[in-house]
Amino acid sequence: MTDVGIIGMGTYFPSAIQTAADLVEATGIPEAVLRDKMGIRQRHIAGDDDSVTAMASRASIEAIQSAGITPEQIKLVISHGSEFKDHLVWNAAAKIQANVGAVNAYSFEMYALCAGAPIAMNMAKSMMLGDSSLDTVLLAAGSRENDLINLKNARSRFMFNFGAGGGAMLLQRGATKNLILGASAITDGTLSETVIVTREPEAVVGIADDGIGDLRGRLDVQNGDYMAERLGGSSLGNFQRVITEAVDKSGAKLADVKFLGITHMKRSFYLEILQSVGLTAEQSIYLEDHGHVQSVDQVLALQLGLAQGKIKPGDLIVLAGAGTGYTWSAVAVRWG
């Protein structure tokens, strides 16, 4: 049976940084709470030249170089990054394709918010196995969704960890290492409208309507009590479910997993998830120096896990995420 594996990775983060101390005045939250409870030691903030496609393209170029291939070898470009992008109603993947010089590819977007990376990996693998001409595929994502957050809006407090950056993976059909195995996802559609970009900016403290198309500061929570109650009762179980199912579909057991790369979230819940699947903090990466960069988190955690020696050849690893909507996702990879 033909396998699909990861042959290259890349990330890009803007040079501008906000620390926990920098966020105290704007949020009214003590530095210790921001840093220790919410897990925001620092986050990167996009500059004027750091569009979603620019950041994704810079990460993609690094991934291409790390894979040792030419852009012409890429047959498909999939963008799984932010919908808050360069233009509205627009295919960001085509711009990324043009930026990296993948002249023999076609391109499209798939969108599952912060659950996007594991789903994109599984979808690309399925397409590659179904079409032998898709021998090399680029997955790319960029996000600057921190621009959508109003730091005076207490309802969006759990999103104050949003940061900016880009990430990319190159997948190859017929690979012999870093093989993508089983995957799983689950959606709770009752939460589909709990986090939205509001059409009524005056309802958000400190936001005025600056004109059509200006969405900055408008990401808001609707029916927060229901969202908190529903997530409180289901999120841990859904993370366990998708992680366990991804491993089961790989022909392995949860006890075989050596590393978990997961979306950034508040520290206590992160540790609770690790414990629930039998892992420790030494078998994962907590993204406190980057914050939550939408579906870039998984490739970043993978890079950092390798750099810190937490992932070794032969290890079974899992990449997992969750995004408003509300979807939980996971994919297993046999590294090396």
Foldseek 3Di string as FASTA:
>chain_A
DKFKAFQFKFKWFDPDKDALVNLCVQQVDDSCCVCAFWLARMAGADDPPQWWLVQQLVGQLRRCVSNVHALCLAAEEEEAADCLTDDHPDFSRVVSSVSRVNVNYDYGYDYDKLQRPQVVVVVLRVVCVVDVSRFKYKYKYWFNCCQLARSHAPQCVQVPLEHTMMMMTMMGIRDDFFTWFFKDKDFDQVQQPQWDQDPCQVVGPPDDPPDPPPSGNRTGGDPSVVVCVVCVVPVLVRQVVGAQRQQVRRVHGLVQAQAEQEFAGTPVVVQVSQVVSPHHCLRWDHPNHHGGGRNRRQSVRVVVCVVVVSDDQQHWYKYWYFRGSTMIMMIITGGD
